[in-house]
Amino acid sequence: MIRRLHWLSILLALGLLGIPLTTEGQQPTHVYRIGRLSAGPPIEADPSLEAFRQGLRAFGYAEGQNLVIEHRYAKGRLERLPDLAAELVQLQVEVIMAGGTAAIRAAQHATRTIPIVMAVAYEPVGEGLVASLAQPGGNITGLEAVLKP
């Protein structure tokens, strides 16, 4: 289930970016930037991040060649999230992947134009992040919504 969500996140991110796949022999004309915003700390061996990177490589995108992933971690200091989200907007990332309601909300306040992919959100409709799960509206979409018990 988790592996399938990683592949879905890769496809969704690429679809939001509208990235054409380059054929072999062509030089990439653009380096794509993906912003990753997290309320938590960096995880040394993050299996979800590695799965994301592997999926991107399968589609012809590799960090250091035609892709940059800009990571911003609040390290548990939620008050830092707005500034970190603003940094990603300043860097002109093509998409922001945000994990957790606080990070999604910070990204939402930072931009209304850059697509935001919510990796995990608790009550995204109830929290006002999206209009509905079927029709999120705005620039936020996502893969997994966890409802509160």
N, C-alpha and C. Protein backbone atom coordinates (compact mmCIF):
# COMPACT_ATOMS: atom_id res chain seq x y z
N MET A 1 0.82 -1.19 0.00
CA MET A 1 0.00 0.00 0.00
C MET A 1 0.86 1.26 0.00
N ILE A 2 1.88 1.28 0.88
CA ILE A 2 2.74 2.46 0.97
C ILE A 2 3.53 2.64 -0.32
N ARG A 3 4.06 1.53 -0.87
CA ARG A 3 4.84 1.62 -2.11
C ARG A 3 3.97 2.16 -3.24
N ARG A 4 2.69 1.72 -3.30
CA ARG A 4 1.79 2.20 -4.33
C ARG A 4 1.56 3.70 -4.16
N LEU A 5 1.46 4.19 -2.93
CA LEU A 5 1.29 5.62 -2.69
C LEU A 5 2.50 6.40 -3.16
N HIS A 6 3.70 5.83 -3.00
CA HIS A 6 4.90 6.52 -3.47
C HIS A 6 4.87 6.66 -4.99
N TRP A 7 4.50 5.61 -5.68
CA TRP A 7 4.41 5.70 -7.14
C TRP A 7 3.33 6.69 -7.55
N LEU A 8 2.22 6.69 -6.84
CA LEU A 8 1.17 7.66 -7.15
C LEU A 8 1.66 9.07 -6.92
N SER A 9 2.44 9.29 -5.86
CA SER A 9 2.95 10.63 -5.60
C SER A 9 3.90 11.07 -6.71
N ILE A 10 4.69 10.15 -7.21
CA ILE A 10 5.61 10.46 -8.30
C ILE A 10 4.83 10.86 -9.54
N LEU A 11 3.86 10.05 -9.90
CA LEU A 11 3.06 10.35 -11.09
C LEU A 11 2.31 11.66 -10.93
N LEU A 12 1.76 11.89 -9.74
CA LEU A 12 1.03 13.12 -9.50
C LEU A 12 1.94 14.33 -9.59
N ALA A 13 3.11 14.25 -8.98
CA ALA A 13 4.05 15.37 -9.03
C ALA A 13 4.48 15.65 -10.46
N LEU A 14 4.80 14.62 -11.21
CA LEU A 14 5.19 14.81 -12.61
C LEU A 14 4.04 15.37 -13.43
N GLY A 15 2.84 14.88 -13.18
CA GLY A 15 1.68 15.38 -13.91
C GLY A 15 1.42 16.84 -13.60
N LEU A 16 1.58 17.23 -12.35
CA LEU A 16 1.38 18.63 -11.98
C LEU A 16 2.43 19.52 -12.62
N LEU A 17 3.63 19.00 -12.74
CA LEU A 17 4.69 19.77 -13.35
C LEU A 17 4.53 19.87 -14.86
N GLY A 18 3.81 18.92 -15.43
CA GLY A 18 3.67 18.90 -16.89
C GLY A 18 5.01 18.65 -17.54
N ILE A 19 5.82 17.82 -16.92
CA ILE A 19 7.18 17.59 -17.41
C ILE A 19 7.15 16.61 -18.57
N PRO A 20 7.64 17.04 -19.72
CA PRO A 20 7.78 16.07 -20.80
C PRO A 20 9.01 15.21 -20.54
N LEU A 21 8.90 13.94 -20.79
CA LEU A 21 10.04 13.06 -20.60
C LEU A 21 11.01 13.25 -21.75
N THR A 22 12.30 13.44 -21.42
CA THR A 22 13.29 13.61 -22.47
C THR A 22 13.70 12.25 -23.00
N THR A 23 13.95 12.19 -24.28
CA THR A 23 14.41 10.95 -24.87
C THR A 23 15.93 10.89 -24.75
N GLU A 24 16.47 9.69 -24.87
CA GLU A 24 17.91 9.54 -24.76
C GLU A 24 18.60 10.35 -25.85
N GLY A 25 19.69 10.97 -25.49
CA GLY A 25 20.44 11.76 -26.44
C GLY A 25 20.10 13.23 -26.38
N GLN A 26 18.92 13.56 -25.87
CA GLN A 26 18.54 14.97 -25.76
C GLN A 26 19.13 15.54 -24.48
N GLN A 27 19.57 16.77 -24.57
CA GLN A 27 20.04 17.46 -23.39
C GLN A 27 18.84 18.13 -22.72
N PRO A 28 18.71 17.98 -21.40
CA PRO A 28 17.60 18.64 -20.73
C PRO A 28 17.75 20.15 -20.87
N THR A 29 16.66 20.81 -21.12
CA THR A 29 16.71 22.26 -21.30
C THR A 29 16.35 22.99 -20.02
N HIS A 30 15.94 22.25 -19.03
CA HIS A 30 15.48 22.88 -17.79
C HIS A 30 15.78 21.96 -16.61
N VAL A 31 16.21 22.55 -15.52
CA VAL A 31 16.38 21.79 -14.28
C VAL A 31 15.13 22.03 -13.46
N TYR A 32 14.41 20.96 -13.15
CA TYR A 32 13.15 21.06 -12.42
C TYR A 32 13.42 21.08 -10.93
N ARG A 33 12.62 21.89 -10.22
CA ARG A 33 12.77 22.03 -8.78
C ARG A 33 11.49 21.56 -8.09
N ILE A 34 11.66 20.64 -7.16
CA ILE A 34 10.57 20.18 -6.33
C ILE A 34 10.88 20.62 -4.90
N GLY A 35 9.93 21.28 -4.27
CA GLY A 35 10.09 21.68 -2.88
C GLY A 35 9.48 20.63 -1.97
N ARG A 36 10.16 20.33 -0.89
CA ARG A 36 9.65 19.36 0.08
C ARG A 36 9.63 20.04 1.43
N LEU A 37 8.44 20.17 2.01
CA LEU A 37 8.26 20.89 3.26
C LEU A 37 7.76 19.94 4.33
N SER A 38 8.47 19.92 5.47
CA SER A 38 8.11 19.00 6.55
C SER A 38 8.19 19.72 7.89
N ALA A 39 7.26 19.41 8.77
CA ALA A 39 7.28 19.96 10.12
C ALA A 39 8.31 19.26 10.99
N GLY A 40 8.68 18.06 10.62
CA GLY A 40 9.59 17.26 11.42
C GLY A 40 11.05 17.45 11.05
N PRO A 41 11.90 16.61 11.62
CA PRO A 41 13.33 16.67 11.33
C PRO A 41 13.66 15.85 10.09
N PRO A 42 14.84 16.07 9.51
CA PRO A 42 15.28 15.19 8.42
C PRO A 42 15.46 13.78 8.97
N ILE A 43 15.09 12.81 8.19
CA ILE A 43 15.26 11.42 8.59
C ILE A 43 16.42 10.87 7.77
N GLU A 44 17.43 10.38 8.47
CA GLU A 44 18.66 9.94 7.80
C GLU A 44 18.39 8.94 6.67
N ALA A 45 17.66 7.90 6.94
CA ALA A 45 17.36 6.87 5.93
C ALA A 45 15.85 6.84 5.73
N ASP A 46 15.33 7.84 5.03
CA ASP A 46 13.89 7.97 4.81
C ASP A 46 13.47 7.09 3.62
N PRO A 47 12.79 5.97 3.88
CA PRO A 47 12.41 5.08 2.79
C PRO A 47 11.45 5.72 1.80
N SER A 48 10.59 6.61 2.26
CA SER A 48 9.65 7.24 1.33
C SER A 48 10.38 8.19 0.38
N LEU A 49 11.39 8.90 0.88
CA LEU A 49 12.16 9.79 0.02
C LEU A 49 12.97 8.99 -0.99
N GLU A 50 13.55 7.88 -0.55
CA GLU A 50 14.33 7.05 -1.49
C GLU A 50 13.42 6.45 -2.55
N ALA A 51 12.22 6.02 -2.17
CA ALA A 51 11.26 5.49 -3.16
C ALA A 51 10.87 6.58 -4.15
N PHE A 52 10.69 7.79 -3.66
CA PHE A 52 10.36 8.92 -4.53
C PHE A 52 11.49 9.17 -5.53
N ARG A 53 12.73 9.17 -5.04
CA ARG A 53 13.88 9.38 -5.93
C ARG A 53 13.98 8.27 -6.97
N GLN A 54 13.78 7.02 -6.55
CA GLN A 54 13.84 5.90 -7.49
C GLN A 54 12.77 6.03 -8.56
N GLY A 55 11.58 6.41 -8.17
CA GLY A 55 10.51 6.60 -9.14
C GLY A 55 10.84 7.70 -10.13
N LEU A 56 11.40 8.79 -9.65
CA LEU A 56 11.79 9.88 -10.55
C LEU A 56 12.87 9.41 -11.52
N ARG A 57 13.84 8.64 -11.00
CA ARG A 57 14.89 8.11 -11.89
C ARG A 57 14.30 7.21 -12.97
N ALA A 58 13.28 6.44 -12.61
CA ALA A 58 12.63 5.56 -13.59
C ALA A 58 12.00 6.36 -14.72
N PHE A 59 11.66 7.61 -14.44
CA PHE A 59 11.07 8.48 -15.47
C PHE A 59 12.09 9.39 -16.12
N GLY A 60 13.37 9.20 -15.79
CA GLY A 60 14.43 9.96 -16.44
C GLY A 60 14.87 11.21 -15.71
N TYR A 61 14.51 11.35 -14.44
CA TYR A 61 14.87 12.54 -13.67
C TYR A 61 15.82 12.14 -12.55
N ALA A 62 16.95 12.83 -12.48
CA ALA A 62 17.95 12.50 -11.47
C ALA A 62 18.48 13.78 -10.86
N GLU A 63 18.60 13.78 -9.54
CA GLU A 63 19.17 14.93 -8.85
C GLU A 63 20.59 15.15 -9.35
N GLY A 64 20.92 16.41 -9.53
CA GLY A 64 22.25 16.76 -10.01
C GLY A 64 22.34 16.78 -11.53
N GLN A 65 21.31 16.27 -12.20
CA GLN A 65 21.30 16.29 -13.67
C GLN A 65 20.20 17.21 -14.18
N ASN A 66 18.97 16.83 -13.96
CA ASN A 66 17.85 17.64 -14.45
C ASN A 66 16.80 17.88 -13.37
N LEU A 67 17.19 17.64 -12.11
CA LEU A 67 16.24 17.75 -11.01
C LEU A 67 16.95 18.19 -9.73
N VAL A 68 16.30 19.09 -9.01
CA VAL A 68 16.76 19.50 -7.68
C VAL A 68 15.56 19.34 -6.74
N ILE A 69 15.79 18.69 -5.62
CA ILE A 69 14.77 18.62 -4.58
C ILE A 69 15.23 19.52 -3.45
N GLU A 70 14.46 20.57 -3.21
CA GLU A 70 14.76 21.52 -2.14
C GLU A 70 14.05 21.07 -0.88
N HIS A 71 14.80 20.67 0.13
CA HIS A 71 14.22 20.18 1.38
C HIS A 71 14.20 21.31 2.41
N ARG A 72 13.07 21.43 3.10
CA ARG A 72 12.97 22.38 4.20
C ARG A 72 12.29 21.66 5.37
N TYR A 73 12.98 21.63 6.50
CA TYR A 73 12.49 20.94 7.69
C TYR A 73 12.35 21.92 8.84
N ALA A 74 11.20 21.92 9.50
CA ALA A 74 10.97 22.80 10.64
C ALA A 74 11.54 22.20 11.93
N LYS A 75 11.86 20.92 11.92
CA LYS A 75 12.44 20.23 13.07
C LYS A 75 11.60 20.40 14.33
N GLY A 76 10.28 20.31 14.14
CA GLY A 76 9.35 20.41 15.27
C GLY A 76 8.99 21.81 15.68
N ARG A 77 9.60 22.81 15.09
CA ARG A 77 9.30 24.22 15.41
C ARG A 77 8.33 24.74 14.36
N LEU A 78 7.05 24.51 14.62
CA LEU A 78 6.00 24.83 13.64
C LEU A 78 5.98 26.30 13.25
N GLU A 79 6.43 27.18 14.12
CA GLU A 79 6.45 28.61 13.79
C GLU A 79 7.42 28.92 12.65
N ARG A 80 8.32 28.00 12.34
CA ARG A 80 9.27 28.20 11.23
C ARG A 80 8.66 27.87 9.87
N LEU A 81 7.56 27.12 9.85
CA LEU A 81 6.99 26.66 8.59
C LEU A 81 6.65 27.79 7.60
N PRO A 82 6.03 28.89 8.03
CA PRO A 82 5.75 29.96 7.04
C PRO A 82 7.00 30.49 6.35
N ASP A 83 8.08 30.68 7.10
CA ASP A 83 9.33 31.17 6.48
C ASP A 83 9.93 30.13 5.54
N LEU A 84 9.86 28.87 5.93
CA LEU A 84 10.39 27.80 5.08
C LEU A 84 9.58 27.68 3.79
N ALA A 85 8.26 27.79 3.90
CA ALA A 85 7.40 27.75 2.71
C ALA A 85 7.70 28.94 1.80
N ALA A 86 7.91 30.11 2.40
CA ALA A 86 8.24 31.30 1.60
C ALA A 86 9.58 31.12 0.88
N GLU A 87 10.54 30.45 1.52
CA GLU A 87 11.82 30.17 0.86
C GLU A 87 11.60 29.33 -0.39
N LEU A 88 10.75 28.31 -0.29
CA LEU A 88 10.48 27.46 -1.45
C LEU A 88 9.83 28.26 -2.57
N VAL A 89 8.94 29.15 -2.23
CA VAL A 89 8.30 30.01 -3.25
C VAL A 89 9.35 30.91 -3.89
N GLN A 90 10.24 31.49 -3.08
CA GLN A 90 11.31 32.34 -3.61
C GLN A 90 12.22 31.58 -4.57
N LEU A 91 12.42 30.30 -4.30
CA LEU A 91 13.27 29.47 -5.16
C LEU A 91 12.56 29.08 -6.46
N GLN A 92 11.30 29.43 -6.57
CA GLN A 92 10.48 29.16 -7.76
C GLN A 92 10.41 27.67 -8.07
N VAL A 93 10.11 26.87 -7.04
CA VAL A 93 9.91 25.44 -7.27
C VAL A 93 8.65 25.26 -8.12
N GLU A 94 8.61 24.16 -8.87
CA GLU A 94 7.44 23.89 -9.70
C GLU A 94 6.30 23.24 -8.94
N VAL A 95 6.62 22.55 -7.86
CA VAL A 95 5.61 21.89 -7.03
C VAL A 95 6.16 21.80 -5.62
N ILE A 96 5.26 21.87 -4.62
CA ILE A 96 5.65 21.70 -3.23
C ILE A 96 4.98 20.44 -2.71
N MET A 97 5.77 19.54 -2.16
CA MET A 97 5.23 18.36 -1.49
C MET A 97 5.29 18.64 0.00
N ALA A 98 4.13 18.65 0.64
CA ALA A 98 4.05 19.00 2.05
C ALA A 98 3.45 17.84 2.83
N GLY A 99 4.04 17.53 3.96
CA GLY A 99 3.56 16.45 4.80
C GLY A 99 3.05 16.98 6.12
N GLY A 100 1.78 16.72 6.40
CA GLY A 100 1.17 17.16 7.65
C GLY A 100 0.41 18.46 7.48
N THR A 101 -0.63 18.60 8.27
CA THR A 101 -1.53 19.74 8.15
C THR A 101 -0.82 21.07 8.31
N ALA A 102 0.08 21.21 9.29
CA ALA A 102 0.76 22.48 9.52
C ALA A 102 1.62 22.89 8.32
N ALA A 103 2.32 21.94 7.73
CA ALA A 103 3.16 22.23 6.57
C ALA A 103 2.30 22.58 5.35
N ILE A 104 1.20 21.86 5.18
CA ILE A 104 0.31 22.14 4.05
C ILE A 104 -0.27 23.53 4.18
N ARG A 105 -0.71 23.88 5.38
CA ARG A 105 -1.29 25.21 5.61
C ARG A 105 -0.25 26.30 5.35
N ALA A 106 0.99 26.10 5.79
CA ALA A 106 2.05 27.09 5.55
C ALA A 106 2.28 27.27 4.05
N ALA A 107 2.31 26.17 3.31
CA ALA A 107 2.49 26.25 1.85
C ALA A 107 1.29 26.95 1.21
N GLN A 108 0.09 26.65 1.70
CA GLN A 108 -1.13 27.26 1.17
C GLN A 108 -1.09 28.78 1.35
N HIS A 109 -0.61 29.25 2.49
CA HIS A 109 -0.54 30.69 2.74
C HIS A 109 0.59 31.35 1.94
N ALA A 110 1.60 30.57 1.59
CA ALA A 110 2.74 31.12 0.86
C ALA A 110 2.47 31.29 -0.63
N THR A 111 1.58 30.46 -1.20
CA THR A 111 1.33 30.53 -2.64
C THR A 111 -0.07 30.04 -2.97
N ARG A 112 -0.64 30.67 -3.96
CA ARG A 112 -1.92 30.22 -4.51
C ARG A 112 -1.75 29.71 -5.95
N THR A 113 -0.49 29.73 -6.43
CA THR A 113 -0.26 29.34 -7.82
C THR A 113 0.58 28.08 -7.96
N ILE A 114 1.56 27.87 -7.09
CA ILE A 114 2.39 26.67 -7.18
C ILE A 114 1.57 25.48 -6.69
N PRO A 115 1.52 24.40 -7.46
CA PRO A 115 0.79 23.21 -7.00
C PRO A 115 1.38 22.65 -5.71
N ILE A 116 0.51 22.26 -4.79
CA ILE A 116 0.90 21.68 -3.52
C ILE A 116 0.34 20.27 -3.46
N VAL A 117 1.20 19.30 -3.23
CA VAL A 117 0.78 17.91 -3.07
C VAL A 117 0.86 17.60 -1.58
N MET A 118 -0.30 17.30 -0.98
CA MET A 118 -0.29 16.94 0.45
C MET A 118 -0.06 15.45 0.54
N ALA A 119 1.02 15.09 1.23
CA ALA A 119 1.36 13.68 1.36
C ALA A 119 0.45 13.01 2.38
N VAL A 120 0.28 13.62 3.51
CA VAL A 120 -0.60 13.11 4.56
C VAL A 120 -1.27 14.31 5.20
N ALA A 121 -2.57 14.24 5.34
CA ALA A 121 -3.30 15.34 5.99
C ALA A 121 -4.40 14.76 6.86
N TYR A 122 -4.59 15.33 8.01
CA TYR A 122 -5.65 14.91 8.91
C TYR A 122 -6.83 15.85 8.73
N GLU A 123 -7.95 15.29 8.31
CA GLU A 123 -9.18 16.06 8.10
C GLU A 123 -8.93 17.26 7.17
N PRO A 124 -8.44 17.03 5.95
CA PRO A 124 -8.14 18.17 5.07
C PRO A 124 -9.36 19.01 4.73
N VAL A 125 -10.54 18.40 4.66
CA VAL A 125 -11.76 19.17 4.39
C VAL A 125 -12.13 19.96 5.64
N GLY A 126 -12.18 19.29 6.78
CA GLY A 126 -12.52 19.94 8.04
C GLY A 126 -11.55 21.05 8.42
N GLU A 127 -10.29 20.89 8.06
CA GLU A 127 -9.28 21.91 8.36
C GLU A 127 -9.29 23.05 7.35
N GLY A 128 -10.13 22.93 6.30
CA GLY A 128 -10.22 24.00 5.31
C GLY A 128 -9.10 24.01 4.29
N LEU A 129 -8.37 22.90 4.18
CA LEU A 129 -7.27 22.83 3.20
C LEU A 129 -7.81 22.64 1.79
N VAL A 130 -8.85 21.83 1.66
CA VAL A 130 -9.47 21.55 0.36
C VAL A 130 -10.98 21.61 0.50
N ALA A 131 -11.66 21.85 -0.63
CA ALA A 131 -13.12 21.91 -0.62
C ALA A 131 -13.73 20.52 -0.38
N SER A 132 -13.17 19.52 -1.04
CA SER A 132 -13.60 18.14 -0.84
C SER A 132 -12.47 17.24 -1.31
N LEU A 133 -12.52 15.96 -0.94
CA LEU A 133 -11.47 15.05 -1.39
C LEU A 133 -11.60 14.77 -2.88
N ALA A 134 -12.83 14.73 -3.38
CA ALA A 134 -13.05 14.46 -4.80
C ALA A 134 -12.72 15.67 -5.67
N GLN A 135 -13.01 16.85 -5.20
CA GLN A 135 -12.78 18.10 -5.94
C GLN A 135 -12.09 19.09 -5.00
N PRO A 136 -10.75 18.95 -4.84
CA PRO A 136 -10.08 19.77 -3.84
C PRO A 136 -10.12 21.28 -4.12
N GLY A 137 -10.13 21.66 -5.40
CA GLY A 137 -10.14 23.08 -5.73
C GLY A 137 -8.79 23.72 -5.41
N GLY A 138 -8.59 24.93 -5.84
CA GLY A 138 -7.35 25.65 -5.56
C GLY A 138 -6.13 24.94 -6.11
N ASN A 139 -5.02 25.13 -5.44
CA ASN A 139 -3.75 24.56 -5.91
C ASN A 139 -3.28 23.39 -5.06
N ILE A 140 -4.17 22.84 -4.22
CA ILE A 140 -3.79 21.71 -3.37
C ILE A 140 -4.48 20.45 -3.85
N THR A 141 -3.70 19.40 -3.91
CA THR A 141 -4.22 18.08 -4.21
C THR A 141 -3.47 17.11 -3.31
N GLY A 142 -3.80 15.86 -3.36
CA GLY A 142 -3.08 14.96 -2.48
C GLY A 142 -3.31 13.51 -2.76
N LEU A 143 -2.66 12.73 -1.93
CA LEU A 143 -2.66 11.30 -2.12
C LEU A 143 -3.35 10.55 -1.01
N GLU A 144 -3.18 11.02 0.19
CA GLU A 144 -3.66 10.26 1.33
C GLU A 144 -4.24 11.23 2.34
N ALA A 145 -5.46 10.96 2.74
CA ALA A 145 -6.08 11.77 3.79
C ALA A 145 -6.42 10.82 4.93
N VAL A 146 -6.01 11.19 6.10
CA VAL A 146 -6.28 10.37 7.27
C VAL A 146 -7.35 11.08 8.09
N LEU A 147 -8.46 10.40 8.30
CA LEU A 147 -9.53 11.01 9.05
C LEU A 147 -9.32 10.77 10.54
N LYS A 148 -9.63 11.75 11.33
CA LYS A 148 -9.51 11.60 12.78
C LYS A 148 -10.59 10.65 13.26
N PRO A 149 -10.28 9.84 14.30
CA PRO A 149 -11.29 8.90 14.82
C PRO A 149 -12.45 9.63 15.47
